[in-house]
Structure formats: C-alpha cells, structure tokens
C-alpha cells in the first residue's frame, strides 16, 4: 500500500476547507518531482507550465519513475495507475482557478517568480496560500510583489523529491502564522520532515553544503589532494553518499557559482568568495554533467 496515503489526504487547518486539489507551477526537474510526491500522497495535481514540450517531458519522467517503483515493489500496478491518473498537465492558467494550494517551482530568478505569483494572485482564490520552491532566494523580496505578501512562504524541497525526506519551510518578513502552519502540515502529509527556518541566505542546508563544496574546490586548486581522493575522503570519512566535486558536477558549475556569488554578496564576508578554479571552469564552459565535462568527464 502507499506509504503515507492514510495520513496524507484532506486535512483541516483553522477552519479551512479540506484540501485535495493542488497546483505545481513549473514542470522542470523539481516541479515534476513535487507533482509526483503530491500524487503519491493522494492529492489531485494540476501540473502547469507555459511550455507543452516541458510538460510532456515531465509526465514521461514521472511515468518512468513510477514504473521503476513498481519493479522495486514500492507500489502495485493498480496503485501506480491511480497515482499517475491524479496528475493533470496544462498550459492554461485558468485551469488553476479552483486549486487549494500552490507550489511554484520555476527558474531561480526573483523577478520571474514575482511575475508568476502576480499572475496567480489574479486567478486563484484569496484564501489559497502560495509556496515557492527556492533553494536560497529571499522570500520577503519575492512576496513584496503580492497584494497579500502574508500568503507566501518558502518550501525548499530536495532532489529527488519523491525520495528525499527533508523540506525547509522558510518564513518571510510578512508570512502569516497560518501560512507557515499550512505549509508545515502539507509537507508532513507528503511524508516529509519539515523544519521551520528563519529567512537567511541559502537557508540551512545549502548554507552548510555550498561552502563545503567551494572549499573542496579550493583544496583541489591548491594541489593538496587529487579530485578522486577529495571525494573519497568525504564519502569514507563523513559517510556522504557522493563526494563534493562529483556533487558539484551534478548541480552544474554555473549554478553553483551563481549560488556562491549570491551567498558572498548577501553575507559580505570574504570567507564565502568563490574559488577561482570554479570561475575558470565556468568560463571554459565545463559545467559538469550537463555539458559532459566538469571535474569529471561523462
């Protein structure tokens, strides 16, 4: 049976109507994963993207993931079909009008997220809360574009969403208590462990992880150790599942550089400066797995 279906569906918070229809905005890697997690928990999901091709790719990915789950006996064929049947793709904004909870998972740019939420505010009901799946953007700044900034909260999911248990719930300066409580309980209904985080650059997980990866690049740059041994040190010595340099290749070195630069700018502390080797690799176009070459070749 589904791991957490019995506890997932339809909860009441402060007199709100029971929720069973949710929206995920953005059908990229994270959006597809969030949609799948919601469907596995029993929710009907409206998966929205402005690009039909991206939507089709997301649905294909979800279907493949569910087939694999059946092979691993996580779900029966019947359960798989029920889950897949709960996901409805659309490029029509108006199909979001009756959803009861919204998670946005578009590109990590504040201005684009603000545009999405302003559009949503004109479509969905006033009592519906908005959550943004950001790995480190300022929630208060995103919410400032809304008429009611209190309805927006950060919800940072982790890849791959259906498997990873952690969700960071990030309160902006004007986020209401009810919005936070709703987001916490929703995350828990997906079988996640939700932690409430004060708004700060990169939140908690990435605030620790990103400087660690950057430091590993400094170690390589300084010739202290070979790349394979740096990764082995963290896998064998710290029980990490993947080494920091291999993980950098997964994240994408351009994305990693952007995030480190954001942290450096926000904190104003030279200890967060990006490693020169990272900047050099990005300029060379060696961005990791997505280009076939980063710290390793693929």
Protein backbone atom coordinates (compact mmCIF):
# COMPACT_ATOMS: atom_id res chain seq x y z
CA UNK A 1 0.00 0.00 0.00
CA UNK A 2 1.03 3.64 -0.31
CA UNK A 3 3.42 4.56 2.48
CA UNK A 4 1.59 7.59 3.79
CA UNK A 5 -1.71 7.80 1.93
CA UNK A 6 -3.79 7.19 5.04
CA UNK A 7 -2.38 10.27 6.77
CA UNK A 8 -1.84 12.40 3.70
CA UNK A 9 -5.24 13.33 2.39
CA UNK A 10 -7.57 16.11 3.28
CA UNK A 11 -6.66 17.85 6.50
CA UNK A 12 -8.32 20.82 8.23
CA UNK A 13 -6.41 23.89 9.37
CA UNK A 14 -8.13 26.72 11.23
CA UNK A 15 -11.47 26.22 9.56
CA UNK A 16 -10.10 25.88 6.04
CA UNK A 17 -11.89 23.59 3.66
CA UNK A 18 -10.35 20.18 3.22
CA UNK A 19 -7.69 20.22 0.52
CA UNK A 20 -7.38 17.68 -2.23
CA UNK A 21 -6.59 19.68 -5.38
CA UNK A 22 -3.16 21.30 -5.57
CA UNK A 23 -1.13 23.03 -8.25
CA UNK A 24 2.54 22.81 -9.15
CA UNK A 25 3.80 25.65 -11.34
CA UNK A 26 6.81 24.76 -13.44
CA UNK A 27 7.38 21.28 -14.88
CA UNK A 28 11.15 21.12 -14.68
CA UNK A 29 13.06 18.56 -12.65
CA UNK A 30 11.91 19.84 -9.27
CA UNK A 31 8.36 20.60 -10.36
CA UNK A 32 7.91 17.11 -11.77
CA UNK A 33 9.25 15.60 -8.56
CA UNK A 34 6.95 17.69 -6.36
CA UNK A 35 3.97 16.79 -8.54
CA UNK A 36 4.82 13.09 -8.24
CA UNK A 37 5.20 13.32 -4.45
CA UNK A 38 1.83 15.06 -4.16
CA UNK A 39 0.13 12.47 -6.36
CA UNK A 40 1.70 9.63 -4.38
CA UNK A 41 0.23 11.19 -1.23
CA UNK A 42 -3.24 11.12 -2.75
CA UNK A 43 -3.65 14.69 -3.98
CA UNK A 44 -5.05 15.60 -7.37
CA UNK A 45 -2.30 17.64 -9.04
CA UNK A 46 -2.60 20.30 -11.72
CA UNK A 47 0.89 20.49 -13.23
CA UNK A 48 1.28 23.78 -15.11
CA UNK A 49 3.95 25.04 -17.46
CA UNK A 50 3.86 27.58 -20.28
CA UNK A 51 5.74 25.09 -22.49
CA UNK A 52 3.86 21.97 -23.63
CA UNK A 53 7.08 20.14 -24.50
CA UNK A 54 8.41 20.63 -20.96
CA UNK A 55 5.12 19.31 -19.59
CA UNK A 56 5.25 16.22 -21.78
CA UNK A 57 8.85 15.53 -20.74
CA UNK A 58 7.89 15.87 -17.07
CA UNK A 59 4.98 13.47 -17.38
CA UNK A 60 7.18 10.94 -19.20
CA UNK A 61 9.75 11.21 -16.41
CA UNK A 62 7.09 10.68 -13.74
CA UNK A 63 5.73 7.67 -15.62
CA UNK A 64 9.22 6.15 -15.81
CA UNK A 65 9.80 6.76 -12.10
CA UNK A 66 6.52 5.06 -11.22
CA UNK A 67 7.31 2.05 -13.43
CA UNK A 68 10.61 1.70 -11.56
CA UNK A 69 8.77 1.95 -8.23
CA UNK A 70 6.55 -0.97 -9.27
CA UNK A 71 9.61 -3.06 -10.16
CA UNK A 72 11.03 -2.31 -6.72
CA UNK A 73 7.65 -3.27 -5.19
CA UNK A 74 7.03 0.16 -3.68
CA UNK A 75 3.67 0.23 -5.45
CA UNK A 76 1.37 -2.26 -7.11
CA UNK A 77 0.40 -1.73 -10.75
CA UNK A 78 -3.03 -0.57 -9.58
CA UNK A 79 -1.53 1.97 -7.19
CA UNK A 80 0.82 3.22 -9.91
CA UNK A 81 -2.09 3.80 -12.27
CA UNK A 82 -4.04 5.66 -9.58
CA UNK A 83 -1.06 7.91 -8.83
CA UNK A 84 -0.40 8.68 -12.48
CA UNK A 85 -4.09 9.36 -13.04
CA UNK A 86 -4.06 12.09 -10.39
CA UNK A 87 -1.64 14.25 -12.40
CA UNK A 88 -3.23 16.61 -14.94
CA UNK A 89 -0.95 18.70 -17.17
CA UNK A 90 -1.97 22.07 -18.56
CA UNK A 91 -0.67 25.23 -20.22
CA UNK A 92 -3.90 27.10 -19.41
CA UNK A 93 -3.67 29.47 -16.44
CA UNK A 94 -7.44 29.36 -15.93
CA UNK A 95 -7.32 25.67 -15.02
CA UNK A 96 -5.66 26.78 -11.79
CA UNK A 97 -8.68 28.78 -10.64
CA UNK A 98 -10.05 26.10 -8.31
CA UNK A 99 -6.85 24.74 -6.76
CA UNK A 100 -6.48 24.86 -2.97
CA UNK A 101 -2.70 25.01 -2.56
CA UNK A 102 0.04 26.25 -4.91
CA UNK A 103 3.70 25.32 -5.13
CA UNK A 104 5.83 27.30 -7.58
CA UNK A 105 8.96 25.63 -8.96
CA UNK A 106 10.09 27.83 -11.85
CA UNK A 107 13.61 29.08 -12.58
CA UNK A 108 15.60 30.53 -9.64
CA UNK A 109 15.16 34.20 -10.52
CA UNK A 110 13.29 36.53 -8.20
CA UNK A 111 11.73 38.65 -10.96
CA UNK A 112 10.30 35.61 -12.77
CA UNK A 113 8.89 34.15 -9.56
CA UNK A 114 7.27 37.52 -8.79
CA UNK A 115 5.64 37.59 -12.23
CA UNK A 116 4.25 34.08 -11.70
CA UNK A 117 2.78 34.93 -8.30
CA UNK A 118 1.23 38.18 -9.53
CA UNK A 119 -0.47 36.20 -12.30
CA UNK A 120 -1.64 33.57 -9.82
CA UNK A 121 -2.99 36.22 -7.46
CA UNK A 122 -5.36 37.34 -10.20
CA UNK A 123 -6.63 33.79 -10.79
CA UNK A 124 -6.81 31.67 -7.64
CA UNK A 125 -8.99 32.24 -4.59
CA UNK A 126 -7.88 34.70 -1.95
CA UNK A 127 -7.53 32.08 0.81
CA UNK A 128 -5.13 29.87 -1.18
CA UNK A 129 -1.55 30.06 0.08
CA UNK A 130 1.46 30.25 -2.19
CA UNK A 131 4.72 28.38 -1.66
CA UNK A 132 7.93 28.93 -3.57
CA UNK A 133 10.42 26.11 -4.04
CA UNK A 134 13.60 28.14 -3.76
CA UNK A 135 16.98 26.91 -2.62
CA UNK A 136 18.07 30.29 -1.31
CA UNK A 137 16.27 33.33 -2.75
CA UNK A 138 14.87 35.97 -0.42
CA UNK A 139 11.27 35.10 0.40
CA UNK A 140 10.42 38.61 1.58
CA UNK A 141 11.57 40.08 -1.73
CA UNK A 142 9.55 37.58 -3.76
CA UNK A 143 6.45 38.25 -1.63
CA UNK A 144 6.81 42.03 -1.96
CA UNK A 145 5.19 41.87 -5.41
CA UNK A 146 1.95 40.47 -3.96
CA UNK A 147 -1.06 42.39 -2.72
CA UNK A 148 -1.11 39.99 0.23
CA UNK A 149 2.51 39.02 0.98
CA UNK A 150 1.38 37.08 4.04
CA UNK A 151 0.13 34.23 1.87
CA UNK A 152 3.63 33.32 0.58
CA UNK A 153 6.14 31.01 2.27
CA UNK A 154 9.30 29.28 1.09
CA UNK A 155 9.26 25.48 0.79
CA UNK A 156 12.66 24.11 -0.21
CA UNK A 157 12.34 20.51 -1.40
CA UNK A 158 15.34 18.33 -2.18
CA UNK A 159 16.19 16.25 -5.24
CA UNK A 160 14.88 13.66 -5.95
CA UNK A 161 11.69 14.92 -4.30
CA UNK A 162 9.75 11.63 -4.05
CA UNK A 163 12.64 10.05 -2.09
CA UNK A 164 14.20 12.88 -0.09
CA UNK A 165 12.54 13.47 3.28
CA UNK A 166 13.61 17.00 4.16
CA UNK A 167 11.68 20.19 3.39
CA UNK A 168 12.80 23.61 4.65
CA UNK A 169 9.86 25.89 5.46
CA UNK A 170 11.10 29.49 5.22
CA UNK A 171 9.12 32.38 6.67
CA UNK A 172 9.41 35.79 5.02
CA UNK A 173 9.08 39.03 6.97
CA UNK A 174 5.31 39.20 6.35
CA UNK A 175 4.44 35.50 6.08
CA UNK A 176 1.43 34.77 8.30
CA UNK A 177 1.41 32.13 11.01
CA UNK A 178 -1.46 30.36 9.26
CA UNK A 179 0.53 30.18 6.02
CA UNK A 180 3.51 28.61 7.82
CA UNK A 181 1.30 26.14 9.65
CA UNK A 182 -0.42 25.12 6.43
CA UNK A 183 2.90 24.58 4.65
CA UNK A 184 4.29 22.55 7.57
CA UNK A 185 1.28 20.26 7.67
CA UNK A 186 1.18 19.90 3.91
CA UNK A 187 4.84 18.84 3.81
CA UNK A 188 4.18 16.35 6.61
CA UNK A 189 1.21 14.98 4.66
CA UNK A 190 3.67 14.09 1.89
CA UNK A 191 5.67 12.01 4.36
CA UNK A 192 8.38 14.67 4.68
CA UNK A 193 10.21 16.01 7.71
CA UNK A 194 9.59 19.74 7.68
CA UNK A 195 11.85 22.15 9.54
CA UNK A 196 11.00 25.82 10.05
CA UNK A 197 13.86 28.11 9.06
CA UNK A 198 14.42 31.80 9.68
CA UNK A 199 14.98 33.69 6.45
CA UNK A 200 18.70 33.94 5.73
CA UNK A 201 20.93 33.49 2.65
CA UNK A 202 20.70 29.87 1.39
CA UNK A 203 18.64 28.86 4.47
CA UNK A 204 20.20 25.96 6.44
CA UNK A 205 21.15 23.03 4.21
CA UNK A 206 22.76 25.00 1.39
CA UNK A 207 24.32 27.46 3.84
CA UNK A 208 26.37 24.49 5.08
CA UNK A 209 26.68 22.45 1.88
CA UNK A 210 27.68 25.12 -0.65
CA UNK A 211 30.71 26.47 1.29
CA UNK A 212 31.83 22.84 1.81
CA UNK A 213 31.81 22.23 -1.95
CA UNK A 214 33.58 25.54 -2.54
CA UNK A 215 36.24 24.57 0.00
CA UNK A 216 36.75 21.23 -1.76
CA UNK A 217 37.43 23.18 -4.97
CA UNK A 218 40.00 25.32 -3.10
CA UNK A 219 41.67 22.10 -1.86
CA UNK A 220 41.89 20.83 -5.44
CA UNK A 221 43.10 24.19 -6.73
CA UNK A 222 45.87 24.28 -4.14
CA UNK A 223 47.09 20.82 -5.15
CA UNK A 224 46.59 19.37 -1.68
CA UNK A 225 44.92 16.22 -2.99
CA UNK A 226 43.67 14.61 -6.19
CA UNK A 227 39.99 15.07 -7.04
CA UNK A 228 39.20 11.37 -6.57
CA UNK A 229 40.79 11.38 -3.13
CA UNK A 230 38.95 14.55 -2.08
CA UNK A 231 35.66 12.83 -2.89
CA UNK A 232 36.75 9.58 -1.25
CA UNK A 233 37.69 11.49 1.90
CA UNK A 234 34.15 12.78 2.33
CA UNK A 235 32.47 9.52 1.30
CA UNK A 236 34.58 7.32 3.58
CA UNK A 237 35.31 9.83 6.34
CA UNK A 238 31.96 11.60 6.63
CA UNK A 239 29.61 8.91 5.24
CA UNK A 240 28.48 11.15 2.39
CA UNK A 241 26.84 9.30 -0.48
CA UNK A 242 28.66 11.38 -3.09
CA UNK A 243 31.84 13.42 -2.97
CA UNK A 244 31.70 17.25 -3.11
CA UNK A 245 33.34 17.55 -6.55
CA UNK A 246 31.10 14.90 -8.11
CA UNK A 247 28.13 16.65 -6.49
CA UNK A 248 29.25 19.97 -7.97
CA UNK A 249 29.11 18.34 -11.41
CA UNK A 250 25.55 17.17 -10.69
CA UNK A 251 24.44 20.63 -9.54
CA UNK A 252 26.06 22.34 -12.53
CA UNK A 253 29.14 24.51 -12.04
CA UNK A 254 27.42 27.60 -13.43
CA UNK A 255 24.54 27.16 -10.98
CA UNK A 256 26.99 26.52 -8.17
CA UNK A 257 28.94 29.68 -8.99
CA UNK A 258 25.74 31.73 -9.06
CA UNK A 259 24.70 30.40 -5.65
CA UNK A 260 28.14 31.00 -4.10
CA UNK A 261 28.20 34.54 -5.51
CA UNK A 262 24.75 35.16 -4.03
CA UNK A 263 25.91 33.96 -0.61
CA UNK A 264 29.08 36.08 -0.87
CA UNK A 265 27.09 39.18 -1.81
CA UNK A 266 24.38 38.69 0.82
CA UNK A 267 26.79 37.92 3.67
CA UNK A 268 29.51 40.40 2.70
CA UNK A 269 32.12 38.06 4.16
CA UNK A 270 35.26 37.15 2.16
CA UNK A 271 35.22 33.60 3.53
CA UNK A 272 32.36 32.91 1.08
CA UNK A 273 34.29 34.07 -2.03
CA UNK A 274 34.06 31.60 -4.95
CA UNK A 275 37.14 29.53 -5.70
CA UNK A 276 38.96 30.99 -8.75
CA UNK A 277 39.16 27.49 -10.27
CA UNK A 278 35.36 27.28 -10.26
CA UNK A 279 35.04 30.59 -12.08
CA UNK A 280 37.67 29.50 -14.61
CA UNK A 281 35.83 26.24 -15.34
CA UNK A 282 32.55 28.06 -15.86
CA UNK A 283 34.20 30.48 -18.28
CA UNK A 284 35.59 27.49 -20.17
CA UNK A 285 32.10 26.03 -20.50
CA UNK A 286 32.94 22.94 -18.43
CA UNK A 287 29.76 22.93 -16.36
CA UNK A 288 29.52 19.33 -15.19
CA UNK A 289 27.21 16.53 -16.23
CA UNK A 290 25.03 18.74 -18.43
CA UNK A 291 27.97 19.56 -20.73
CA UNK A 292 29.73 16.20 -20.41
CA UNK A 293 32.73 17.64 -18.60
CA UNK A 294 33.33 19.26 -15.23
CA UNK A 295 35.62 17.98 -12.54
CA UNK A 296 35.00 14.59 -14.17
CA UNK A 297 34.18 13.56 -17.75
CA UNK A 298 30.80 11.99 -18.59
